[in-house]
């Protein structure tokens, strides 16, 4: 897997996609190969330098459909949040998305309206 933010990519544990989200994911505009293998959500914090040649980072939360081994397409997140100045704020948002996914409510949460 190649990810342009590999050094600044922090994923949480894989979360199985619930039945409601799985059905909604199949109805979403996802390529057939992604539909077949997507059994889990991978929620990640991704950092990018705020300015060129700086160590100050902005952070976003991304949600990727993944298989049971954790393979996913970094080019096609299901959702990516706005950028945060604080890692802690992004981590808090990631925890709330993890709660939605554990409760089989990613689609019900309205995130599909914010697909990047």
Foldseek 3Di string as FASTA:
>chain_A
DDDPQVVFKAKDDWAFQDPLRLVVVVVDPDDPVLNVFFGTKIKIKGWDDPDPPDPQIWIKIFIFRGHPVRDTDNVFTLAIDDTHSDPVVRVVVSVVCVVCRNVNRNVVVVRNVHHD
